[in-house]
Protein backbone atom coordinates (compact mmCIF):
# COMPACT_ATOMS: atom_id res chain seq x y z
CA MET A 1 -23.30 -26.58 25.18
CA TYR A 2 -20.50 -24.87 26.88
CA CYS A 3 -18.38 -24.56 23.61
CA ILE A 4 -21.41 -23.00 21.81
CA LEU A 5 -21.62 -20.59 24.65
CA ARG A 6 -18.05 -19.78 24.75
CA GLN A 7 -17.76 -19.36 20.96
CA ARG A 8 -20.74 -16.91 21.07
CA LEU A 9 -19.24 -14.96 24.00
CA LEU A 10 -15.86 -14.81 22.21
CA PHE A 11 -17.62 -13.50 19.07
CA ARG A 12 -19.41 -10.80 21.02
CA LEU A 13 -16.22 -9.77 22.81
CA THR A 14 -14.39 -9.54 19.51
CA GLN A 15 -17.35 -7.24 18.03
CA LEU A 16 -17.14 -5.12 21.28
CA GLN A 17 -13.37 -4.66 21.09
CA ALA A 18 -13.57 -3.66 17.35
CA GLY A 19 -16.41 -1.10 18.22
CA VAL A 20 -14.18 0.30 20.96
CA ALA A 21 -11.22 0.63 18.63
CA GLN A 22 -13.26 2.19 15.97
CA GLN A 23 -14.40 4.80 18.43
CA ARG A 24 -10.78 5.43 19.69
CA VAL A 25 -9.73 5.97 16.12
CA SER A 26 -12.58 8.29 15.32
CA ARG A 27 -11.90 10.29 18.43
CA TYR A 28 -8.22 10.49 17.66
CA LEU A 29 -8.74 11.66 13.95
CA SER A 30 -11.46 14.20 15.09
CA THR A 31 -9.03 15.87 17.57
CA LYS A 32 -5.92 15.56 15.40
CA GLY A 33 -5.17 18.74 13.32
CA ASN A 34 -4.95 18.37 9.76
CA ASP A 35 -1.71 20.44 9.35
CA ASP A 36 0.42 17.28 8.83
CA ILE A 37 -1.67 15.10 6.76
CA SER A 38 -2.92 15.76 3.26
CA SER A 39 -4.35 13.80 0.49
CA SER A 40 -1.56 13.05 -2.06
CA GLU A 41 -3.82 13.07 -5.07
CA GLU A 42 -7.26 14.47 -5.30
CA GLY A 43 -9.96 11.71 -5.13
CA ILE A 44 -7.75 8.51 -4.87
CA GLY A 45 -5.89 6.85 -2.11
CA LEU A 46 -5.78 7.28 1.59
CA GLN A 47 -4.63 10.39 3.16
CA ARG A 48 -0.81 10.28 3.83
CA LYS A 49 1.60 12.24 5.73
CA VAL A 50 3.30 14.64 3.52
CA ARG A 51 7.06 14.49 3.69
CA MET A 52 8.75 17.71 3.11
CA GLY A 53 12.36 17.90 2.15
CA GLU A 54 12.76 14.07 1.81
CA ASP A 55 15.98 13.20 -0.10
CA ILE A 56 15.51 10.86 -2.93
CA GLN A 57 17.47 7.87 -1.32
CA THR A 58 15.39 8.06 1.72
CA MET A 59 12.32 8.12 -0.40
CA ARG A 60 13.70 5.05 -2.30
CA ARG A 61 14.32 3.12 0.79
CA ARG A 62 11.16 4.00 2.42
CA LEU A 63 9.12 2.94 -0.75
CA GLN A 64 11.27 -0.28 -0.96
CA TYR A 65 10.13 -1.24 2.59
CA GLN A 66 6.39 -0.20 1.99
CA MET A 67 6.45 -2.28 -1.27
CA ARG A 68 7.60 -5.42 0.74
CA LYS A 69 5.49 -5.09 3.84
CA ARG A 70 1.91 -4.57 2.48
CA GLY A 71 0.30 -7.34 4.26
CA ILE A 72 -0.99 -9.36 1.34
CA LEU A 73 1.28 -11.89 -0.19
CA GLU A 74 0.12 -11.35 -3.79
CA THR A 75 0.60 -7.55 -3.61
CA ASP A 76 3.90 -8.04 -1.70
CA LEU A 77 5.29 -10.17 -4.38
CA LEU A 78 4.22 -8.03 -7.20
CA LEU A 79 5.45 -4.64 -5.68
CA SER A 80 8.71 -6.24 -4.07
CA THR A 81 9.66 -7.65 -7.36
CA PHE A 82 8.81 -4.40 -9.27
CA ALA A 83 10.84 -2.42 -6.73
CA SER A 84 13.93 -4.79 -7.08
CA GLU A 85 13.86 -4.29 -10.88
CA HIS A 86 12.80 -0.71 -11.40
CA LEU A 87 12.94 1.32 -8.12
CA THR A 88 16.56 2.74 -8.62
CA ALA A 89 15.64 3.94 -12.04
CA LEU A 90 12.52 5.88 -11.22
CA SER A 91 12.64 9.65 -11.25
CA ARG A 92 11.65 11.82 -8.35
CA GLU A 93 8.20 12.39 -10.04
CA GLU A 94 7.59 8.65 -10.62
CA LEU A 95 8.52 8.05 -7.08
CA VAL A 96 5.96 10.54 -5.84
CA ASP A 97 3.45 8.96 -8.05
CA LEU A 98 4.40 5.56 -6.58
CA ASP A 99 3.92 6.91 -3.07
CA THR A 100 0.58 8.01 -4.12
CA LEU A 101 -0.40 4.70 -5.63
CA LEU A 102 0.66 2.88 -2.37
CA SER A 103 -1.90 4.84 -0.41
CA ASN A 104 -4.50 2.47 -1.99
CA ILE A 105 -5.83 -0.71 -0.61
CA ASP A 106 -3.64 -3.58 -1.27
CA TRP A 107 -6.31 -5.65 -3.23
CA ASP A 108 -7.11 -2.60 -5.46
CA ILE A 109 -3.49 -2.05 -6.34
CA PHE A 110 -3.13 -5.86 -7.30
CA TYR A 111 -6.33 -5.99 -9.31
CA TRP A 112 -5.58 -2.68 -11.08
CA ALA A 113 -1.98 -3.83 -11.91
CA THR A 114 -3.22 -7.29 -13.15
CA ASN A 115 -6.03 -5.72 -15.16
CA LYS A 116 -8.69 -7.54 -13.23
CA THR A 117 -10.72 -4.46 -12.52
CA PRO A 118 -10.03 -1.03 -14.35
CA ALA A 119 -8.05 1.55 -12.31
CA PRO A 120 -9.23 5.14 -11.72
CA GLU A 121 -8.34 7.58 -14.38
CA GLU A 122 -5.83 9.42 -12.19
CA VAL A 123 -3.83 6.02 -11.66
CA GLN A 124 -3.97 4.95 -15.15
CA LYS A 125 -2.21 8.16 -16.15
CA MET A 126 0.76 7.65 -13.87
CA SER A 127 3.72 6.37 -15.91
CA VAL A 128 4.95 4.28 -12.92
CA PHE A 129 1.64 2.52 -12.86
CA GLN A 130 2.07 1.64 -16.55
CA LYS A 131 5.43 0.23 -15.88
CA LEU A 132 3.77 -1.78 -12.86
CA GLN A 133 1.30 -3.18 -15.41
CA GLN A 134 3.94 -4.16 -17.86
CA HIS A 135 5.86 -5.93 -14.91
CA ALA A 136 2.75 -7.63 -13.78
CA THR A 137 1.93 -9.22 -17.18
CA ARG A 138 5.68 -10.16 -17.83
CA ARG A 139 5.95 -12.07 -14.42
CA GLY A 140 3.71 -14.71 -15.86
CA MET A 141 2.85 -17.86 -13.75
CA GLY A 142 6.12 -18.82 -12.49
CA ILE A 143 6.92 -19.36 -8.82
CA THR A 144 8.04 -16.06 -7.42
CA ARG A 145 9.64 -15.08 -4.18
CA MET A 146 10.52 -11.88 -2.51
CA PRO A 147 13.94 -10.47 -3.58
CA ASP A 148 16.79 -10.20 -1.09
CA LEU A 149 17.44 -6.70 0.39
CA GLU A 150 20.55 -5.33 -1.01
CA GLU A 151 23.25 -3.72 1.36
CA THR A 152 22.75 0.02 1.55
CA LYS A 153 25.62 2.20 2.21
């Protein structure tokens, strides 16, 4: 009996903590000015901070990190191997498109890249997304691990 009551209490406490956290986030977002946050593409992705004047090497390093540390292993593996093979060859426009693509939810990116669900039209038009889809189909069913980070100078 004690275990059941304890579980119910912990569950309710978790619900209350989640509600408080949601209220804090809502309050923060409502008081924060929208000067430094902008949607990278109309209609897709989450709002991201615009980085004006970021040089291409810094952008590549940032994107490499963001592609390795997504939080979902499948997406991490897909994006990190893609970054290892293609990131240095992408143009600035493709890097900006990639940054926009990364503003989406991990599972959406994974399902779009593996053709499990159709991607939005804006995403399908991106040349970097087409390269990611080709990369996803080429990877096959082999065992994959995250590539090592190279020394940066």
